[in-house]
PDB file of N, CA and C in Angstrom:
ATOM      1  N   MET A   1       3.627 -26.142   0.349  1.00  0.00           N
ATOM      2  CA  MET A   1       4.907 -26.341   1.000  1.00  0.00           C
ATOM      3  C   MET A   1       5.484 -25.008   1.498  1.00  0.00           C
ATOM      4  N   GLU A   2       5.351 -23.960   0.676  1.00  0.00           N
ATOM      5  CA  GLU A   2       5.864 -22.639   1.062  1.00  0.00           C
ATOM      6  C   GLU A   2       5.170 -22.129   2.327  1.00  0.00           C
ATOM      7  N   ARG A   3       3.864 -22.351   2.401  1.00  0.00           N
ATOM      8  CA  ARG A   3       3.104 -21.929   3.591  1.00  0.00           C
ATOM      9  C   ARG A   3       3.604 -22.664   4.841  1.00  0.00           C
ATOM     10  N   PHE A   4       3.928 -23.940   4.692  1.00  0.00           N
ATOM     11  CA  PHE A   4       4.445 -24.733   5.798  1.00  0.00           C
ATOM     12  C   PHE A   4       5.785 -24.174   6.274  1.00  0.00           C
ATOM     13  N   LYS A   5       6.663 -23.832   5.328  1.00  0.00           N
ATOM     14  CA  LYS A   5       7.956 -23.254   5.683  1.00  0.00           C
ATOM     15  C   LYS A   5       7.778 -21.922   6.405  1.00  0.00           C
ATOM     16  N   GLU A   6       6.828 -21.119   5.933  1.00  0.00           N
ATOM     17  CA  GLU A   6       6.535 -19.832   6.566  1.00  0.00           C
ATOM     18  C   GLU A   6       6.076 -20.035   8.008  1.00  0.00           C
ATOM     19  N   THR A   7       5.178 -20.994   8.210  1.00  0.00           N
ATOM     20  CA  THR A   7       4.667 -21.285   9.553  1.00  0.00           C
ATOM     21  C   THR A   7       5.794 -21.723  10.474  1.00  0.00           C
ATOM     22  N   LEU A   8       6.662 -22.600  10.004  1.00  0.00           N
ATOM     23  CA  LEU A   8       7.793 -23.053  10.815  1.00  0.00           C
ATOM     24  C   LEU A   8       8.721 -21.890  11.177  1.00  0.00           C
ATOM     25  N   ALA A   9       8.982 -21.027  10.225  1.00  0.00           N
ATOM     26  CA  ALA A   9       9.859 -19.884  10.481  1.00  0.00           C
ATOM     27  C   ALA A   9       9.255 -18.962  11.529  1.00  0.00           C
ATOM     28  N   VAL A  10       7.962 -18.733  11.452  1.00  0.00           N
ATOM     29  CA  VAL A  10       7.292 -17.862  12.418  1.00  0.00           C
ATOM     30  C   VAL A  10       7.308 -18.494  13.801  1.00  0.00           C
ATOM     31  N   GLU A  11       6.973 -19.776  13.874  1.00  0.00           N
ATOM     32  CA  GLU A  11       6.921 -20.460  15.171  1.00  0.00           C
ATOM     33  C   GLU A  11       8.285 -20.544  15.833  1.00  0.00           C
ATOM     34  N   SER A  12       9.343 -20.626  15.039  1.00  0.00           N
ATOM     35  CA  SER A  12      10.677 -20.705  15.621  1.00  0.00           C
ATOM     36  C   SER A  12      11.228 -19.322  15.962  1.00  0.00           C
ATOM     37  N   GLY A  13      10.453 -18.263  15.644  1.00  0.00           N
ATOM     38  CA  GLY A  13      10.851 -16.908  15.992  1.00  0.00           C
ATOM     39  C   GLY A  13      11.868 -16.294  15.064  1.00  0.00           C
ATOM     40  N   ARG A  14      12.110 -16.913  13.923  1.00  0.00           N
ATOM     41  CA  ARG A  14      13.119 -16.386  13.010  1.00  0.00           C
ATOM     42  C   ARG A  14      12.651 -15.157  12.252  1.00  0.00           C
ATOM     43  N   ARG A  15      11.358 -15.035  11.986  1.00  0.00           N
ATOM     44  CA  ARG A  15      10.873 -13.863  11.284  1.00  0.00           C
ATOM     45  C   ARG A  15       9.363 -13.746  11.458  1.00  0.00           C
ATOM     46  N   HIS A  16       8.872 -12.547  11.171  1.00  0.00           N
ATOM     47  CA  HIS A  16       7.444 -12.278  11.257  1.00  0.00           C
ATOM     48  C   HIS A  16       6.749 -12.726   9.980  1.00  0.00           C
ATOM     49  N   PRO A  17       5.463 -12.978  10.054  1.00  0.00           N
ATOM     50  CA  PRO A  17       4.749 -13.320   8.824  1.00  0.00           C
ATOM     51  C   PRO A  17       4.741 -12.130   7.861  1.00  0.00           C
ATOM     52  N   VAL A  18       4.742 -12.419   6.585  1.00  0.00           N
ATOM     53  CA  VAL A  18       4.691 -11.372   5.571  1.00  0.00           C
ATOM     54  C   VAL A  18       3.288 -11.369   4.978  1.00  0.00           C
ATOM     55  N   HIS A  19       2.666 -10.194   4.960  1.00  0.00           N
ATOM     56  CA  HIS A  19       1.316 -10.038   4.437  1.00  0.00           C
ATOM     57  C   HIS A  19       1.416  -9.470   3.028  1.00  0.00           C
ATOM     58  N   ASP A  20       0.656 -10.042   2.099  1.00  0.00           N
ATOM     59  CA  ASP A  20       0.708  -9.635   0.701  1.00  0.00           C
ATOM     60  C   ASP A  20      -0.361  -8.585   0.411  1.00  0.00           C
ATOM     61  N   LEU A  21       0.074  -7.379   0.056  1.00  0.00           N
ATOM     62  CA  LEU A  21      -0.855  -6.288  -0.238  1.00  0.00           C
ATOM     63  C   LEU A  21      -1.693  -6.580  -1.480  1.00  0.00           C
ATOM     64  N   ALA A  22      -1.169  -7.373  -2.386  1.00  0.00           N
ATOM     65  CA  ALA A  22      -1.868  -7.655  -3.642  1.00  0.00           C
ATOM     66  C   ALA A  22      -2.886  -8.784  -3.514  1.00  0.00           C
ATOM     67  N   ALA A  23      -2.866  -9.518  -2.415  1.00  0.00           N
ATOM     68  CA  ALA A  23      -3.728 -10.694  -2.269  1.00  0.00           C
ATOM     69  C   ALA A  23      -5.147 -10.301  -1.865  1.00  0.00           C
ATOM     70  N   GLY A  24      -6.095 -10.597  -2.704  1.00  0.00           N
ATOM     71  CA  GLY A  24      -7.504 -10.382  -2.384  1.00  0.00           C
ATOM     72  C   GLY A  24      -7.836  -8.951  -2.030  1.00  0.00           C
ATOM     73  N   ASP A  25      -8.785  -8.809  -1.107  1.00  0.00           N
ATOM     74  CA  ASP A  25      -9.250  -7.490  -0.687  1.00  0.00           C
ATOM     75  C   ASP A  25      -8.715  -7.111   0.686  1.00  0.00           C
ATOM     76  N   ASN A  26      -7.619  -7.711   1.110  1.00  0.00           N
ATOM     77  CA  ASN A  26      -7.079  -7.422   2.438  1.00  0.00           C
ATOM     78  C   ASN A  26      -6.520  -6.016   2.557  1.00  0.00           C
ATOM     79  N   CYS A  27      -5.960  -5.496   1.475  1.00  0.00           N
ATOM     80  CA  CYS A  27      -5.374  -4.157   1.487  1.00  0.00           C
ATOM     81  C   CYS A  27      -6.384  -3.168   0.921  1.00  0.00           C
ATOM     82  N   VAL A  28      -6.649  -2.110   1.682  1.00  0.00           N
ATOM     83  CA  VAL A  28      -7.584  -1.074   1.245  1.00  0.00           C
ATOM     84  C   VAL A  28      -6.857   0.262   1.255  1.00  0.00           C
ATOM     85  N   ILE A  29      -6.893   0.950   0.106  1.00  0.00           N
ATOM     86  CA  ILE A  29      -6.340   2.296   0.007  1.00  0.00           C
ATOM     87  C   ILE A  29      -7.525   3.242  -0.042  1.00  0.00           C
ATOM     88  N   GLU A  30      -7.597   4.158   0.921  1.00  0.00           N
ATOM     89  CA  GLU A  30      -8.708   5.111   0.947  1.00  0.00           C
ATOM     90  C   GLU A  30      -8.664   5.987  -0.304  1.00  0.00           C
ATOM     91  N   PRO A  31      -9.823   6.380  -0.835  1.00  0.00           N
ATOM     92  CA  PRO A  31      -9.843   7.262  -2.000  1.00  0.00           C
ATOM     93  C   PRO A  31      -9.091   8.562  -1.708  1.00  0.00           C
ATOM     94  N   ILE A  32      -8.365   9.036  -2.696  1.00  0.00           N
ATOM     95  CA  ILE A  32      -7.606  10.280  -2.569  1.00  0.00           C
ATOM     96  C   ILE A  32      -8.440  11.402  -3.171  1.00  0.00           C
ATOM     97  N   ASP A  33      -8.618  12.474  -2.416  1.00  0.00           N
ATOM     98  CA  ASP A  33      -9.392  13.624  -2.888  1.00  0.00           C
ATOM     99  C   ASP A  33      -8.775  14.199  -4.166  1.00  0.00           C
ATOM    100  N   VAL A  34      -9.584  14.914  -4.930  1.00  0.00           N
ATOM    101  CA  VAL A  34      -9.095  15.620  -6.115  1.00  0.00           C
ATOM    102  C   VAL A  34      -8.008  16.596  -5.670  1.00  0.00           C
ATOM    103  N   GLN A  35      -6.906  16.585  -6.383  1.00  0.00           N
ATOM    104  CA  GLN A  35      -5.759  17.430  -6.060  1.00  0.00           C
ATOM    105  C   GLN A  35      -5.727  18.631  -6.996  1.00  0.00           C
ATOM    106  N   GLN A  36      -5.286  19.753  -6.489  1.00  0.00           N
ATOM    107  CA  GLN A  36      -5.211  20.988  -7.270  1.00  0.00           C
ATOM    108  C   GLN A  36      -3.915  21.029  -8.077  1.00  0.00           C
ATOM    109  N   TYR A  37      -4.016  21.346  -9.363  1.00  0.00           N
ATOM    110  CA  TYR A  37      -2.860  21.492 -10.256  1.00  0.00           C
ATOM    111  C   TYR A  37      -1.948  22.599  -9.737  1.00  0.00           C
ATOM    112  N   THR A  38      -0.631  22.338  -9.696  1.00  0.00           N
ATOM    113  CA  THR A  38       0.328  23.316  -9.163  1.00  0.00           C
ATOM    114  C   THR A  38       1.529  23.540 -10.067  1.00  0.00           C
ATOM    115  N   GLU A  39       1.569  22.901 -11.220  1.00  0.00           N
ATOM    116  CA  GLU A  39       2.714  22.916 -12.134  1.00  0.00           C
ATOM    117  C   GLU A  39       3.870  22.071 -11.609  1.00  0.00           C
ATOM    118  N   ARG A  40       3.707  21.444 -10.478  1.00  0.00           N
ATOM    119  CA  ARG A  40       4.727  20.564  -9.888  1.00  0.00           C
ATOM    120  C   ARG A  40       4.118  19.190  -9.646  1.00  0.00           C
ATOM    121  N   ALA A  41       4.970  18.220  -9.369  1.00  0.00           N
ATOM    122  CA  ALA A  41       4.497  16.867  -9.065  1.00  0.00           C
ATOM    123  C   ALA A  41       3.630  16.887  -7.810  1.00  0.00           C
ATOM    124  N   ILE A  42       2.488  16.228  -7.888  1.00  0.00           N
ATOM    125  CA  ILE A  42       1.554  16.112  -6.762  1.00  0.00           C
ATOM    126  C   ILE A  42       1.800  14.746  -6.116  1.00  0.00           C
ATOM    127  N   THR A  43       2.053  14.742  -4.804  1.00  0.00           N
ATOM    128  CA  THR A  43       2.403  13.486  -4.126  1.00  0.00           C
ATOM    129  C   THR A  43       1.601  13.285  -2.837  1.00  0.00           C
ATOM    130  N   PRO A  44       0.298  13.088  -2.948  1.00  0.00           N
ATOM    131  CA  PRO A  44      -0.479  12.833  -1.734  1.00  0.00           C
ATOM    132  C   PRO A  44      -0.093  11.481  -1.133  1.00  0.00           C
ATOM    133  N   VAL A  45      -0.021  11.422   0.173  1.00  0.00           N
ATOM    134  CA  VAL A  45       0.294  10.160   0.847  1.00  0.00           C
ATOM    135  C   VAL A  45      -1.017   9.420   1.076  1.00  0.00           C
ATOM    136  N   PRO A  46      -1.149   8.232   0.477  1.00  0.00           N
ATOM    137  CA  PRO A  46      -2.403   7.496   0.641  1.00  0.00           C
ATOM    138  C   PRO A  46      -2.536   6.919   2.050  1.00  0.00           C
ATOM    139  N   LYS A  47      -3.779   6.790   2.501  1.00  0.00           N
ATOM    140  CA  LYS A  47      -4.065   6.113   3.768  1.00  0.00           C
ATOM    141  C   LYS A  47      -4.336   4.654   3.430  1.00  0.00           C
ATOM    142  N   VAL A  48      -3.511   3.777   3.999  1.00  0.00           N
ATOM    143  CA  VAL A  48      -3.549   2.357   3.651  1.00  0.00           C
ATOM    144  C   VAL A  48      -3.915   1.543   4.885  1.00  0.00           C
ATOM    145  N   HIS A  49      -4.856   0.626   4.703  1.00  0.00           N
ATOM    146  CA  HIS A  49      -5.298  -0.262   5.774  1.00  0.00           C
ATOM    147  C   HIS A  49      -5.112  -1.708   5.320  1.00  0.00           C
ATOM    148  N   TYR A  50      -4.800  -2.578   6.269  1.00  0.00           N
ATOM    149  CA  TYR A  50      -4.687  -4.005   5.966  1.00  0.00           C
ATOM    150  C   TYR A  50      -5.549  -4.754   6.963  1.00  0.00           C
ATOM    151  N   ARG A  51      -6.432  -5.580   6.447  1.00  0.00           N
ATOM    152  CA  ARG A  51      -7.294  -6.355   7.345  1.00  0.00           C
ATOM    153  C   ARG A  51      -7.117  -7.838   7.047  1.00  0.00           C
ATOM    154  N   LYS A  52      -7.005  -8.595   8.102  1.00  0.00           N
ATOM    155  CA  LYS A  52      -6.877 -10.036   8.002  1.00  0.00           C
ATOM    156  C   LYS A  52      -7.994 -10.639   8.843  1.00  0.00           C
ATOM    157  N   GLU A  53      -8.644 -11.646   8.302  1.00  0.00           N
ATOM    158  CA  GLU A  53      -9.792 -12.253   8.973  1.00  0.00           C
ATOM    159  C   GLU A  53      -9.465 -12.604  10.425  1.00  0.00           C
ATOM    160  N   GLY A  54     -10.364 -12.201  11.308  1.00  0.00           N
ATOM    161  CA  GLY A  54     -10.203 -12.508  12.723  1.00  0.00           C
ATOM    162  C   GLY A  54      -9.287 -11.551  13.470  1.00  0.00           C
ATOM    163  N   GLN A  55      -8.768 -10.526  12.800  1.00  0.00           N
ATOM    164  CA  GLN A  55      -7.877  -9.575  13.440  1.00  0.00           C
ATOM    165  C   GLN A  55      -8.375  -8.159  13.173  1.00  0.00           C
ATOM    166  N   PRO A  56      -8.029  -7.213  14.037  1.00  0.00           N
ATOM    167  CA  PRO A  56      -8.441  -5.826  13.782  1.00  0.00           C
ATOM    168  C   PRO A  56      -7.710  -5.267  12.555  1.00  0.00           C
ATOM    169  N   THR A  57      -8.327  -4.294  11.923  1.00  0.00           N
ATOM    170  CA  THR A  57      -7.718  -3.645  10.767  1.00  0.00           C
ATOM    171  C   THR A  57      -6.506  -2.840  11.220  1.00  0.00           C
ATOM    172  N   ALA A  58      -5.399  -3.011  10.498  1.00  0.00           N
ATOM    173  CA  ALA A  58      -4.171  -2.287  10.814  1.00  0.00           C
ATOM    174  C   ALA A  58      -4.040  -1.087   9.881  1.00  0.00           C
ATOM    175  N   VAL A  59      -3.667   0.057  10.438  1.00  0.00           N
ATOM    176  CA  VAL A  59      -3.361   1.240   9.630  1.00  0.00           C
ATOM    177  C   VAL A  59      -1.866   1.181   9.364  1.00  0.00           C
ATOM    178  N   LEU A  60      -1.485   1.144   8.084  1.00  0.00           N
ATOM    179  CA  LEU A  60      -0.080   1.010   7.724  1.00  0.00           C
ATOM    180  C   LEU A  60       0.603   2.374   7.693  1.00  0.00           C
ATOM    181  N   SER A  61       1.901   2.370   7.943  1.00  0.00           N
ATOM    182  CA  SER A  61       2.684   3.610   8.014  1.00  0.00           C
ATOM    183  C   SER A  61       3.653   3.716   6.852  1.00  0.00           C
ATOM    184  N   LEU A  62       3.669   4.900   6.227  1.00  0.00           N
ATOM    185  CA  LEU A  62       4.617   5.187   5.160  1.00  0.00           C
ATOM    186  C   LEU A  62       6.030   5.113   5.733  1.00  0.00           C
ATOM    187  N   GLY A  63       6.914   4.431   5.026  1.00  0.00           N
ATOM    188  CA  GLY A  63       8.298   4.288   5.467  1.00  0.00           C
ATOM    189  C   GLY A  63       8.542   3.037   6.267  1.00  0.00           C
ATOM    190  N   LYS A  64       7.582   2.636   7.081  1.00  0.00           N
ATOM    191  CA  LYS A  64       7.721   1.423   7.889  1.00  0.00           C
ATOM    192  C   LYS A  64       7.071   0.227   7.196  1.00  0.00           C
ATOM    193  N   ASP A  65       5.825   0.406   6.759  1.00  0.00           N
ATOM    194  CA  ASP A  65       5.062  -0.694   6.175  1.00  0.00           C
ATOM    195  C   ASP A  65       4.959  -0.620   4.658  1.00  0.00           C
ATOM    196  N   PHE A  66       5.123   0.571   4.102  1.00  0.00           N
ATOM    197  CA  PHE A  66       5.032   0.713   2.649  1.00  0.00           C
ATOM    198  C   PHE A  66       5.788   1.940   2.152  1.00  0.00           C
ATOM    199  N   GLU A  67       6.117   1.919   0.875  1.00  0.00           N
ATOM    200  CA  GLU A  67       6.682   3.047   0.145  1.00  0.00           C
ATOM    201  C   GLU A  67       5.717   3.341  -0.997  1.00  0.00           C
ATOM    202  N   VAL A  68       5.843   4.489  -1.633  1.00  0.00           N
ATOM    203  CA  VAL A  68       4.960   4.837  -2.739  1.00  0.00           C
ATOM    204  C   VAL A  68       5.758   5.313  -3.956  1.00  0.00           C
ATOM    205  N   THR A  69       5.183   5.064  -5.128  1.00  0.00           N
ATOM    206  CA  THR A  69       5.683   5.640  -6.367  1.00  0.00           C
ATOM    207  C   THR A  69       4.500   6.267  -7.087  1.00  0.00           C
ATOM    208  N   TYR A  70       4.785   7.263  -7.906  1.00  0.00           N
ATOM    209  CA  TYR A  70       3.729   7.998  -8.608  1.00  0.00           C
ATOM    210  C   TYR A  70       3.975   7.949 -10.111  1.00  0.00           C
ATOM    211  N   LYS A  71       2.899   8.111 -10.860  1.00  0.00           N
ATOM    212  CA  LYS A  71       2.972   8.134 -12.321  1.00  0.00           C
ATOM    213  C   LYS A  71       1.960   9.156 -12.827  1.00  0.00           C
ATOM    214  N   ASN A  72       2.367   9.964 -13.812  1.00  0.00           N
ATOM    215  CA  ASN A  72       1.479  10.976 -14.407  1.00  0.00           C
ATOM    216  C   ASN A  72       0.907  11.920 -13.354  1.00  0.00           C
ATOM    217  N   ASN A  73       1.737  12.346 -12.399  1.00  0.00           N
ATOM    218  CA  ASN A  73       1.251  13.126 -11.264  1.00  0.00           C
ATOM    219  C   ASN A  73       1.628  14.604 -11.314  1.00  0.00           C
ATOM    220  N   THR A  74       1.887  15.128 -12.530  1.00  0.00           N
ATOM    221  CA  THR A  74       2.235  16.541 -12.655  1.00  0.00           C
ATOM    222  C   THR A  74       1.163  17.346 -13.361  1.00  0.00           C
ATOM    223  N   ASN A  75       0.598  16.798 -14.410  1.00  0.00           N
ATOM    224  CA  ASN A  75      -0.368  17.531 -15.232  1.00  0.00           C
ATOM    225  C   ASN A  75      -1.810  17.220 -14.842  1.00  0.00           C
ATOM    226  N   VAL A  76      -2.720  18.055 -15.317  1.00  0.00           N
ATOM    227  CA  VAL A  76      -4.154  17.846 -15.084  1.00  0.00           C
ATOM    228  C   VAL A  76      -4.569  16.499 -15.678  1.00  0.00           C
ATOM    229  N   GLY A  77      -5.382  15.770 -14.954  1.00  0.00           N
ATOM    230  CA  GLY A  77      -5.866  14.474 -15.421  1.00  0.00           C
ATOM    231  C   GLY A  77      -5.728  13.415 -14.353  1.00  0.00           C
ATOM    232  N   MET A  78      -5.776  12.157 -14.772  1.00  0.00           N
ATOM    233  CA  MET A  78      -5.714  11.026 -13.857  1.00  0.00           C
ATOM    234  C   MET A  78      -4.256  10.676 -13.560  1.00  0.00           C
ATOM    235  N   ALA A  79      -3.924  10.537 -12.295  1.00  0.00           N
ATOM    236  CA  ALA A  79      -2.584  10.161 -11.854  1.00  0.00           C
ATOM    237  C   ALA A  79      -2.667   8.819 -11.127  1.00  0.00           C
ATOM    238  N   GLU A  80      -1.531   8.154 -11.004  1.00  0.00           N
ATOM    239  CA  GLU A  80      -1.482   6.866 -10.313  1.00  0.00           C
ATOM    240  C   GLU A  80      -0.528   6.939  -9.130  1.00  0.00           C
ATOM    241  N   VAL A  81      -0.885   6.228  -8.083  1.00  0.00           N
ATOM    242  CA  VAL A  81       0.021   6.025  -6.956  1.00  0.00           C
ATOM    243  C   VAL A  81       0.036   4.524  -6.679  1.00  0.00           C
ATOM    244  N   THR A  82       1.247   3.976  -6.538  1.00  0.00           N
ATOM    245  CA  THR A  82       1.398   2.549  -6.241  1.00  0.00           C
ATOM    246  C   THR A  82       2.019   2.410  -4.866  1.00  0.00           C
ATOM    247  N   VAL A  83       1.394   1.583  -4.039  1.00  0.00           N
ATOM    248  CA  VAL A  83       1.867   1.283  -2.694  1.00  0.00           C
ATOM    249  C   VAL A  83       2.672  -0.010  -2.780  1.00  0.00           C
ATOM    250  N   HIS A  84       3.925   0.033  -2.317  1.00  0.00           N
ATOM    251  CA  HIS A  84       4.822  -1.121  -2.338  1.00  0.00           C
ATOM    252  C   HIS A  84       5.065  -1.569  -0.900  1.00  0.00           C
ATOM    253  N   GLY A  85       4.754  -2.821  -0.602  1.00  0.00           N
ATOM    254  CA  GLY A  85       4.937  -3.342   0.744  1.00  0.00           C
ATOM    255  C   GLY A  85       6.388  -3.300   1.196  1.00  0.00           C
ATOM    256  N   LYS A  86       6.560  -3.158   2.501  1.00  0.00           N
ATOM    257  CA  LYS A  86       7.875  -3.069   3.126  1.00  0.00           C
ATOM    258  C   LYS A  86       7.777  -3.701   4.508  1.00  0.00           C
ATOM    259  N   GLY A  87       8.865  -4.236   5.027  1.00  0.00           N
ATOM    260  CA  GLY A  87       8.840  -4.842   6.363  1.00  0.00           C
ATOM    261  C   GLY A  87       7.989  -6.099   6.381  1.00  0.00           C
ATOM    262  N   ASP A  88       6.918  -6.089   7.168  1.00  0.00           N
ATOM    263  CA  ASP A  88       6.030  -7.250   7.272  1.00  0.00           C
ATOM    264  C   ASP A  88       5.074  -7.372   6.094  1.00  0.00           C
ATOM    265  N   TYR A  89       5.167  -6.470   5.131  1.00  0.00           N
ATOM    266  CA  TYR A  89       4.246  -6.459   3.995  1.00  0.00           C
ATOM    267  C   TYR A  89       5.029  -6.597   2.700  1.00  0.00           C
ATOM    268  N   LYS A  90       4.435  -7.305   1.744  1.00  0.00           N
ATOM    269  CA  LYS A  90       5.052  -7.463   0.433  1.00  0.00           C
ATOM    270  C   LYS A  90       4.001  -7.181  -0.636  1.00  0.00           C
ATOM    271  N   GLY A  91       4.423  -7.175  -1.878  1.00  0.00           N
ATOM    272  CA  GLY A  91       3.497  -6.950  -2.976  1.00  0.00           C
ATOM    273  C   GLY A  91       3.207  -5.479  -3.171  1.00  0.00           C
ATOM    274  N   LYS A  92       2.329  -5.201  -4.128  1.00  0.00           N
ATOM    275  CA  LYS A  92       1.984  -3.807  -4.392  1.00  0.00           C
ATOM    276  C   LYS A  92       0.530  -3.702  -4.806  1.00  0.00           C
ATOM    277  N   LYS A  93      -0.001  -2.493  -4.622  1.00  0.00           N
ATOM    278  CA  LYS A  93      -1.376  -2.202  -4.994  1.00  0.00           C
ATOM    279  C   LYS A  93      -1.429  -0.772  -5.506  1.00  0.00           C
ATOM    280  N   MET A  94      -2.184  -0.558  -6.586  1.00  0.00           N
ATOM    281  CA  MET A  94      -2.237   0.732  -7.246  1.00  0.00           C
ATOM    282  C   MET A  94      -3.627   1.332  -7.115  1.00  0.00           C
ATOM    283  N   THR A  95      -3.665   2.666  -7.050  1.00  0.00           N
ATOM    284  CA  THR A  95      -4.923   3.395  -7.088  1.00  0.00           C
ATOM    285  C   THR A  95      -4.695   4.662  -7.906  1.00  0.00           C
ATOM    286  N   THR A  96      -5.754   5.372  -8.195  1.00  0.00           N
ATOM    287  CA  THR A  96      -5.652   6.593  -8.992  1.00  0.00           C
ATOM    288  C   THR A  96      -6.223   7.783  -8.218  1.00  0.00           C
ATOM    289  N   PHE A  97      -5.846   8.969  -8.686  1.00  0.00           N
ATOM    290  CA  PHE A  97      -6.426  10.195  -8.154  1.00  0.00           C
ATOM    291  C   PHE A  97      -6.466  11.219  -9.283  1.00  0.00           C
ATOM    292  N   MET A  98      -7.301  12.204  -9.144  1.00  0.00           N
ATOM    293  CA  MET A  98      -7.497  13.214 -10.178  1.00  0.00           C
ATOM    294  C   MET A  98      -6.760  14.498  -9.814  1.00  0.00           C
ATOM    295  N   ILE A  99      -6.125  15.101 -10.821  1.00  0.00           N
ATOM    296  CA  ILE A  99      -5.527  16.425 -10.684  1.00  0.00           C
ATOM    297  C   ILE A  99      -6.371  17.365 -11.536  1.00  0.00           C
ATOM    298  N   ALA A 100      -6.863  18.454 -10.944  1.00  0.00           N
ATOM    299  CA  ALA A 100      -7.750  19.380 -11.642  1.00  0.00           C
ATOM    300  C   ALA A 100      -7.262  20.816 -11.468  1.00  0.00           C
ATOM    301  N   ARG A 101      -7.674  21.668 -12.387  1.00  0.00           N
ATOM    302  CA  ARG A 101      -7.356  23.101 -12.290  1.00  0.00           C
ATOM    303  C   ARG A 101      -8.325  23.781 -11.371  1.00  0.00           C
TER     304      ARG A 101
END
């Protein structure tokens, strides 16, 4: 029923479809290179792609399509970055990166 309501809303021009970053393998976050320890928070901006069957892969933009949050991103070791959908995108997807000396 929810999908039907979404389709009606899109067809009537009231809003754009919302793509779920957490659904399946549609959202791809490129691997983040090892980051150098700096004694400060490390905040690499991930490259995020969204692909939907039958359509070209979209490169998402920070601020427009997604926001990011970080966890454990100051000290040497494994850090996390979570991509949170924004605008036409919803949901979230997490990846990790390494901080090394």
